[in-house]
Amino acid sequence: MTGEATFYGVYIPWLLVLAVVAWGLCWGARRLLGSLGVYRWVWHAALFDTALYVLVLFVLTRLTAPGGFFS
């Protein structure tokens, strides 16, 4: 996960790329959970969304780590 990604000569930190991907995945998950009615059982929706984002970003960073998920 270290290093940079280059897009048309512009260097972007790899963590920023993963953060954008995690944001997109969380957006889709929020839409799905909202349509399923899960948010009726959630005490604080903003805290739940933040925790979901952090967990998704953690999983993405561990999956893209050089040694794999369990290194």
PDB file of N, CA and C in Angstrom:
ATOM      1  N   MET A   1       0.811  -1.184   0.000  1.00  0.00           N
ATOM      2  CA  MET A   1       0.000   0.000   0.000  1.00  0.00           C
ATOM      3  C   MET A   1       0.857   1.251   0.000  1.00  0.00           C
ATOM      4  N   THR A   2       2.143   1.118   0.111  1.00  0.00           N
ATOM      5  CA  THR A   2       3.000   2.292   0.111  1.00  0.00           C
ATOM      6  C   THR A   2       3.227   2.753  -1.309  1.00  0.00           C
ATOM      7  N   GLY A   3       3.573   4.012  -1.440  1.00  0.00           N
ATOM      8  CA  GLY A   3       3.883   4.549  -2.754  1.00  0.00           C
ATOM      9  C   GLY A   3       2.779   5.441  -3.282  1.00  0.00           C
ATOM     10  N   GLU A   4       2.909   5.699  -4.556  1.00  0.00           N
ATOM     11  CA  GLU A   4       1.962   6.583  -5.211  1.00  0.00           C
ATOM     12  C   GLU A   4       1.403   5.919  -6.456  1.00  0.00           C
ATOM     13  N   ALA A   5       0.267   6.415  -6.864  1.00  0.00           N
ATOM     14  CA  ALA A   5      -0.316   6.050  -8.147  1.00  0.00           C
ATOM     15  C   ALA A   5      -0.173   7.271  -9.041  1.00  0.00           C
ATOM     16  N   THR A   6       0.039   7.049 -10.311  1.00  0.00           N
ATOM     17  CA  THR A   6       0.180   8.171 -11.231  1.00  0.00           C
ATOM     18  C   THR A   6      -0.984   8.171 -12.218  1.00  0.00           C
ATOM     19  N   PHE A   7      -1.589   9.322 -12.361  1.00  0.00           N
ATOM     20  CA  PHE A   7      -2.663   9.521 -13.326  1.00  0.00           C
ATOM     21  C   PHE A   7      -2.292  10.692 -14.218  1.00  0.00           C
ATOM     22  N   TYR A   8      -1.912  10.372 -15.455  1.00  0.00           N
ATOM     23  CA  TYR A   8      -1.504  11.376 -16.437  1.00  0.00           C
ATOM     24  C   TYR A   8      -0.381  12.259 -15.904  1.00  0.00           C
ATOM     25  N   GLY A   9       0.571  11.649 -15.237  1.00  0.00           N
ATOM     26  CA  GLY A   9       1.730  12.372 -14.746  1.00  0.00           C
ATOM     27  C   GLY A   9       1.555  13.026 -13.390  1.00  0.00           C
ATOM     28  N   VAL A  10       0.402  12.926 -12.792  1.00  0.00           N
ATOM     29  CA  VAL A  10       0.148  13.499 -11.473  1.00  0.00           C
ATOM     30  C   VAL A  10       0.235  12.373 -10.453  1.00  0.00           C
ATOM     31  N   TYR A  11       1.106  12.538  -9.469  1.00  0.00           N
ATOM     32  CA  TYR A  11       1.273  11.522  -8.438  1.00  0.00           C
ATOM     33  C   TYR A  11       0.245  11.725  -7.327  1.00  0.00           C
ATOM     34  N   ILE A  12      -0.450  10.650  -7.016  1.00  0.00           N
ATOM     35  CA  ILE A  12      -1.494  10.691  -5.994  1.00  0.00           C
ATOM     36  C   ILE A  12      -1.157   9.618  -4.967  1.00  0.00           C
ATOM     37  N   PRO A  13      -1.211   9.948  -3.676  1.00  0.00           N
ATOM     38  CA  PRO A  13      -0.939   8.914  -2.670  1.00  0.00           C
ATOM     39  C   PRO A  13      -1.910   7.755  -2.787  1.00  0.00           C
ATOM     40  N   TRP A  14      -1.374   6.551  -2.608  1.00  0.00           N
ATOM     41  CA  TRP A  14      -2.192   5.358  -2.746  1.00  0.00           C
ATOM     42  C   TRP A  14      -3.340   5.341  -1.748  1.00  0.00           C
ATOM     43  N   LEU A  15      -3.119   5.893  -0.552  1.00  0.00           N
ATOM     44  CA  LEU A  15      -4.181   5.929   0.452  1.00  0.00           C
ATOM     45  C   LEU A  15      -5.355   6.794  -0.017  1.00  0.00           C
ATOM     46  N   LEU A  16      -5.080   7.854  -0.764  1.00  0.00           N
ATOM     47  CA  LEU A  16      -6.160   8.686  -1.296  1.00  0.00           C
ATOM     48  C   LEU A  16      -6.999   7.905  -2.301  1.00  0.00           C
ATOM     49  N   VAL A  17      -6.356   7.108  -3.115  1.00  0.00           N
ATOM     50  CA  VAL A  17      -7.085   6.273  -4.078  1.00  0.00           C
ATOM     51  C   VAL A  17      -7.982   5.285  -3.335  1.00  0.00           C
ATOM     52  N   LEU A  18      -7.428   4.651  -2.296  1.00  0.00           N
ATOM     53  CA  LEU A  18      -8.227   3.702  -1.516  1.00  0.00           C
ATOM     54  C   LEU A  18      -9.351   4.401  -0.772  1.00  0.00           C
ATOM     55  N   ALA A  19      -9.122   5.632  -0.301  1.00  0.00           N
ATOM     56  CA  ALA A  19     -10.162   6.367   0.408  1.00  0.00           C
ATOM     57  C   ALA A  19     -11.331   6.687  -0.518  1.00  0.00           C
ATOM     58  N   VAL A  20     -11.040   7.023  -1.755  1.00  0.00           N
ATOM     59  CA  VAL A  20     -12.112   7.314  -2.716  1.00  0.00           C
ATOM     60  C   VAL A  20     -12.893   6.037  -3.041  1.00  0.00           C
ATOM     61  N   VAL A  21     -12.187   4.925  -3.189  1.00  0.00           N
ATOM     62  CA  VAL A  21     -12.864   3.645  -3.447  1.00  0.00           C
ATOM     63  C   VAL A  21     -13.735   3.261  -2.248  1.00  0.00           C
ATOM     64  N   ALA A  22     -13.197   3.450  -1.035  1.00  0.00           N
ATOM     65  CA  ALA A  22     -13.969   3.134   0.175  1.00  0.00           C
ATOM     66  C   ALA A  22     -15.192   4.020   0.278  1.00  0.00           C
ATOM     67  N   TRP A  23     -15.059   5.282  -0.105  1.00  0.00           N
ATOM     68  CA  TRP A  23     -16.217   6.185  -0.067  1.00  0.00           C
ATOM     69  C   TRP A  23     -17.302   5.693  -1.022  1.00  0.00           C
ATOM     70  N   GLY A  24     -16.911   5.261  -2.199  1.00  0.00           N
ATOM     71  CA  GLY A  24     -17.889   4.744  -3.155  1.00  0.00           C
ATOM     72  C   GLY A  24     -18.572   3.480  -2.663  1.00  0.00           C
ATOM     73  N   LEU A  25     -17.794   2.582  -2.069  1.00  0.00           N
ATOM     74  CA  LEU A  25     -18.384   1.361  -1.525  1.00  0.00           C
ATOM     75  C   LEU A  25     -19.332   1.665  -0.368  1.00  0.00           C
ATOM     76  N   CYS A  26     -18.959   2.608   0.473  1.00  0.00           N
ATOM     77  CA  CYS A  26     -19.824   2.971   1.599  1.00  0.00           C
ATOM     78  C   CYS A  26     -21.086   3.671   1.128  1.00  0.00           C
ATOM     79  N   TRP A  27     -20.975   4.452   0.085  1.00  0.00           N
ATOM     80  CA  TRP A  27     -22.160   5.110  -0.460  1.00  0.00           C
ATOM     81  C   TRP A  27     -23.166   4.053  -0.928  1.00  0.00           C
ATOM     82  N   GLY A  28     -22.670   3.042  -1.637  1.00  0.00           N
ATOM     83  CA  GLY A  28     -23.549   1.969  -2.082  1.00  0.00           C
ATOM     84  C   GLY A  28     -24.116   1.165  -0.918  1.00  0.00           C
ATOM     85  N   ALA A  29     -23.277   0.925   0.093  1.00  0.00           N
ATOM     86  CA  ALA A  29     -23.746   0.175   1.263  1.00  0.00           C
ATOM     87  C   ALA A  29     -24.799   0.965   2.033  1.00  0.00           C
ATOM     88  N   ARG A  30     -24.627   2.295   2.144  1.00  0.00           N
ATOM     89  CA  ARG A  30     -25.635   3.113   2.825  1.00  0.00           C
ATOM     90  C   ARG A  30     -26.962   3.087   2.089  1.00  0.00           C
ATOM     91  N   ARG A  31     -26.895   3.144   0.770  1.00  0.00           N
ATOM     92  CA  ARG A  31     -28.136   3.075  -0.018  1.00  0.00           C
ATOM     93  C   ARG A  31     -28.832   1.731   0.184  1.00  0.00           C
ATOM     94  N   LEU A  32     -28.048   0.663   0.175  1.00  0.00           N
ATOM     95  CA  LEU A  32     -28.616  -0.673   0.365  1.00  0.00           C
ATOM     96  C   LEU A  32     -29.179  -0.835   1.770  1.00  0.00           C
ATOM     97  N   LEU A  33     -28.429  -0.421   2.786  1.00  0.00           N
ATOM     98  CA  LEU A  33     -28.912  -0.552   4.159  1.00  0.00           C
ATOM     99  C   LEU A  33     -30.133   0.327   4.412  1.00  0.00           C
ATOM    100  N   GLY A  34     -30.160   1.501   3.792  1.00  0.00           N
ATOM    101  CA  GLY A  34     -31.322   2.370   3.932  1.00  0.00           C
ATOM    102  C   GLY A  34     -32.567   1.775   3.306  1.00  0.00           C
ATOM    103  N   SER A  35     -32.404   1.130   2.154  1.00  0.00           N
ATOM    104  CA  SER A  35     -33.572   0.526   1.500  1.00  0.00           C
ATOM    105  C   SER A  35     -34.049  -0.720   2.242  1.00  0.00           C
ATOM    106  N   LEU A  36     -33.138  -1.381   2.954  1.00  0.00           N
ATOM    107  CA  LEU A  36     -33.522  -2.557   3.740  1.00  0.00           C
ATOM    108  C   LEU A  36     -34.103  -2.191   5.099  1.00  0.00           C
ATOM    109  N   GLY A  37     -34.005  -0.926   5.495  1.00  0.00           N
ATOM    110  CA  GLY A  37     -34.557  -0.482   6.759  1.00  0.00           C
ATOM    111  C   GLY A  37     -33.656  -0.726   7.959  1.00  0.00           C
ATOM    112  N   VAL A  38     -32.372  -0.892   7.729  1.00  0.00           N
ATOM    113  CA  VAL A  38     -31.438  -1.152   8.823  1.00  0.00           C
ATOM    114  C   VAL A  38     -31.294   0.078   9.714  1.00  0.00           C
ATOM    115  N   TYR A  39     -31.422   1.259   9.137  1.00  0.00           N
ATOM    116  CA  TYR A  39     -31.210   2.490   9.907  1.00  0.00           C
ATOM    117  C   TYR A  39     -32.297   2.728  10.963  1.00  0.00           C
ATOM    118  N   ARG A  40     -33.373   1.976  10.916  1.00  0.00           N
ATOM    119  CA  ARG A  40     -34.371   2.073  11.987  1.00  0.00           C
ATOM    120  C   ARG A  40     -33.826   1.536  13.295  1.00  0.00           C
ATOM    121  N   TRP A  41     -32.850   0.633  13.214  1.00  0.00           N
ATOM    122  CA  TRP A  41     -32.281  -0.007  14.396  1.00  0.00           C
ATOM    123  C   TRP A  41     -30.973   0.642  14.838  1.00  0.00           C
ATOM    124  N   VAL A  42     -30.512   1.652  14.111  1.00  0.00           N
ATOM    125  CA  VAL A  42     -29.243   2.320  14.421  1.00  0.00           C
ATOM    126  C   VAL A  42     -29.517   3.527  15.287  1.00  0.00           C
ATOM    127  N   TRP A  43     -28.753   3.660  16.366  1.00  0.00           N
ATOM    128  CA  TRP A  43     -28.963   4.764  17.299  1.00  0.00           C
ATOM    129  C   TRP A  43     -28.512   6.096  16.706  1.00  0.00           C
ATOM    130  N   HIS A  44     -27.320   6.134  16.115  1.00  0.00           N
ATOM    131  CA  HIS A  44     -26.774   7.376  15.585  1.00  0.00           C
ATOM    132  C   HIS A  44     -26.250   7.086  14.178  1.00  0.00           C
ATOM    133  N   ALA A  45     -26.978   7.531  13.189  1.00  0.00           N
ATOM    134  CA  ALA A  45     -26.664   7.167  11.801  1.00  0.00           C
ATOM    135  C   ALA A  45     -25.294   7.688  11.359  1.00  0.00           C
ATOM    136  N   ALA A  46     -24.925   8.896  11.789  1.00  0.00           N
ATOM    137  CA  ALA A  46     -23.635   9.455  11.374  1.00  0.00           C
ATOM    138  C   ALA A  46     -22.470   8.651  11.967  1.00  0.00           C
ATOM    139  N   LEU A  47     -22.582   8.229  13.207  1.00  0.00           N
ATOM    140  CA  LEU A  47     -21.537   7.405  13.806  1.00  0.00           C
ATOM    141  C   LEU A  47     -21.465   6.041  13.121  1.00  0.00           C
ATOM    142  N   PHE A  48     -22.594   5.496  12.785  1.00  0.00           N
ATOM    143  CA  PHE A  48     -22.637   4.213  12.087  1.00  0.00           C
ATOM    144  C   PHE A  48     -21.977   4.328  10.720  1.00  0.00           C
ATOM    145  N   ASP A  49     -22.284   5.406   9.991  1.00  0.00           N
ATOM    146  CA  ASP A  49     -21.690   5.611   8.674  1.00  0.00           C
ATOM    147  C   ASP A  49     -20.178   5.811   8.765  1.00  0.00           C
ATOM    148  N   THR A  50     -19.725   6.548   9.774  1.00  0.00           N
ATOM    149  CA  THR A  50     -18.292   6.758   9.956  1.00  0.00           C
ATOM    150  C   THR A  50     -17.582   5.448  10.277  1.00  0.00           C
ATOM    151  N   ALA A  51     -18.177   4.655  11.159  1.00  0.00           N
ATOM    152  CA  ALA A  51     -17.586   3.359  11.499  1.00  0.00           C
ATOM    153  C   ALA A  51     -17.568   2.433  10.284  1.00  0.00           C
ATOM    154  N   LEU A  52     -18.599   2.459   9.494  1.00  0.00           N
ATOM    155  CA  LEU A  52     -18.648   1.645   8.285  1.00  0.00           C
ATOM    156  C   LEU A  52     -17.541   2.058   7.326  1.00  0.00           C
ATOM    157  N   TYR A  53     -17.337   3.367   7.151  1.00  0.00           N
ATOM    158  CA  TYR A  53     -16.283   3.865   6.275  1.00  0.00           C
ATOM    159  C   TYR A  53     -14.906   3.444   6.770  1.00  0.00           C
ATOM    160  N   VAL A  54     -14.662   3.579   8.058  1.00  0.00           N
ATOM    161  CA  VAL A  54     -13.356   3.211   8.618  1.00  0.00           C
ATOM    162  C   VAL A  54     -13.106   1.720   8.430  1.00  0.00           C
ATOM    163  N   LEU A  55     -14.108   0.898   8.659  1.00  0.00           N
ATOM    164  CA  LEU A  55     -13.945  -0.541   8.483  1.00  0.00           C
ATOM    165  C   LEU A  55     -13.691  -0.925   7.024  1.00  0.00           C
ATOM    166  N   VAL A  56     -14.402  -0.306   6.119  1.00  0.00           N
ATOM    167  CA  VAL A  56     -14.195  -0.599   4.699  1.00  0.00           C
ATOM    168  C   VAL A  56     -12.809  -0.140   4.263  1.00  0.00           C
ATOM    169  N   LEU A  57     -12.378   1.026   4.714  1.00  0.00           N
ATOM    170  CA  LEU A  57     -11.044   1.512   4.365  1.00  0.00           C
ATOM    171  C   LEU A  57      -9.968   0.609   4.953  1.00  0.00           C
ATOM    172  N   PHE A  58     -10.167   0.123   6.177  1.00  0.00           N
ATOM    173  CA  PHE A  58      -9.211  -0.793   6.786  1.00  0.00           C
ATOM    174  C   PHE A  58      -9.099  -2.080   5.976  1.00  0.00           C
ATOM    175  N   VAL A  59     -10.229  -2.639   5.583  1.00  0.00           N
ATOM    176  CA  VAL A  59     -10.206  -3.882   4.809  1.00  0.00           C
ATOM    177  C   VAL A  59      -9.520  -3.661   3.463  1.00  0.00           C
ATOM    178  N   LEU A  60      -9.783  -2.544   2.819  1.00  0.00           N
ATOM    179  CA  LEU A  60      -9.135  -2.265   1.535  1.00  0.00           C
ATOM    180  C   LEU A  60      -7.630  -2.113   1.689  1.00  0.00           C
ATOM    181  N   THR A  61      -7.188  -1.435   2.737  1.00  0.00           N
ATOM    182  CA  THR A  61      -5.746  -1.270   2.930  1.00  0.00           C
ATOM    183  C   THR A  61      -5.080  -2.600   3.255  1.00  0.00           C
ATOM    184  N   ARG A  62      -5.767  -3.455   4.014  1.00  0.00           N
ATOM    185  CA  ARG A  62      -5.179  -4.759   4.325  1.00  0.00           C
ATOM    186  C   ARG A  62      -5.167  -5.666   3.098  1.00  0.00           C
ATOM    187  N   LEU A  63      -6.175  -5.571   2.255  1.00  0.00           N
ATOM    188  CA  LEU A  63      -6.204  -6.402   1.053  1.00  0.00           C
ATOM    189  C   LEU A  63      -5.142  -5.990   0.045  1.00  0.00           C
ATOM    190  N   THR A  64      -4.791  -4.717   0.007  1.00  0.00           N
ATOM    191  CA  THR A  64      -3.792  -4.244  -0.951  1.00  0.00           C
ATOM    192  C   THR A  64      -2.397  -4.187  -0.350  1.00  0.00           C
ATOM    193  N   ALA A  65      -2.231  -4.644   0.882  1.00  0.00           N
ATOM    194  CA  ALA A  65      -0.906  -4.673   1.515  1.00  0.00           C
ATOM    195  C   ALA A  65      -0.026  -5.680   0.777  1.00  0.00           C
ATOM    196  N   PRO A  66       1.285  -5.453   0.757  1.00  0.00           N
ATOM    197  CA  PRO A  66       2.182  -6.356   0.014  1.00  0.00           C
ATOM    198  C   PRO A  66       2.121  -7.807   0.484  1.00  0.00           C
ATOM    199  N   GLY A  67       1.942  -8.048   1.783  1.00  0.00           N
ATOM    200  CA  GLY A  67       1.920  -9.422   2.278  1.00  0.00           C
ATOM    201  C   GLY A  67       0.545 -10.047   2.319  1.00  0.00           C
ATOM    202  N   GLY A  68      -0.477  -9.333   1.932  1.00  0.00           N
ATOM    203  CA  GLY A  68      -1.832  -9.859   1.982  1.00  0.00           C
ATOM    204  C   GLY A  68      -2.556  -9.416   3.253  1.00  0.00           C
ATOM    205  N   PHE A  69      -3.690 -10.029   3.503  1.00  0.00           N
ATOM    206  CA  PHE A  69      -4.550  -9.587   4.601  1.00  0.00           C
ATOM    207  C   PHE A  69      -3.982  -9.925   5.968  1.00  0.00           C
ATOM    208  N   PHE A  70      -3.353 -11.068   6.124  1.00  0.00           N
ATOM    209  CA  PHE A  70      -2.926 -11.536   7.442  1.00  0.00           C
ATOM    210  C   PHE A  70      -1.441 -11.307   7.712  1.00  0.00           C
ATOM    211  N   SER A  71      -0.817 -10.405   7.013  1.00  0.00           N
ATOM    212  CA  SER A  71       0.628 -10.178   7.247  1.00  0.00           C
ATOM    213  C   SER A  71       0.865  -9.252   8.421  1.00  0.00           C
TER     214      SER A  71
END
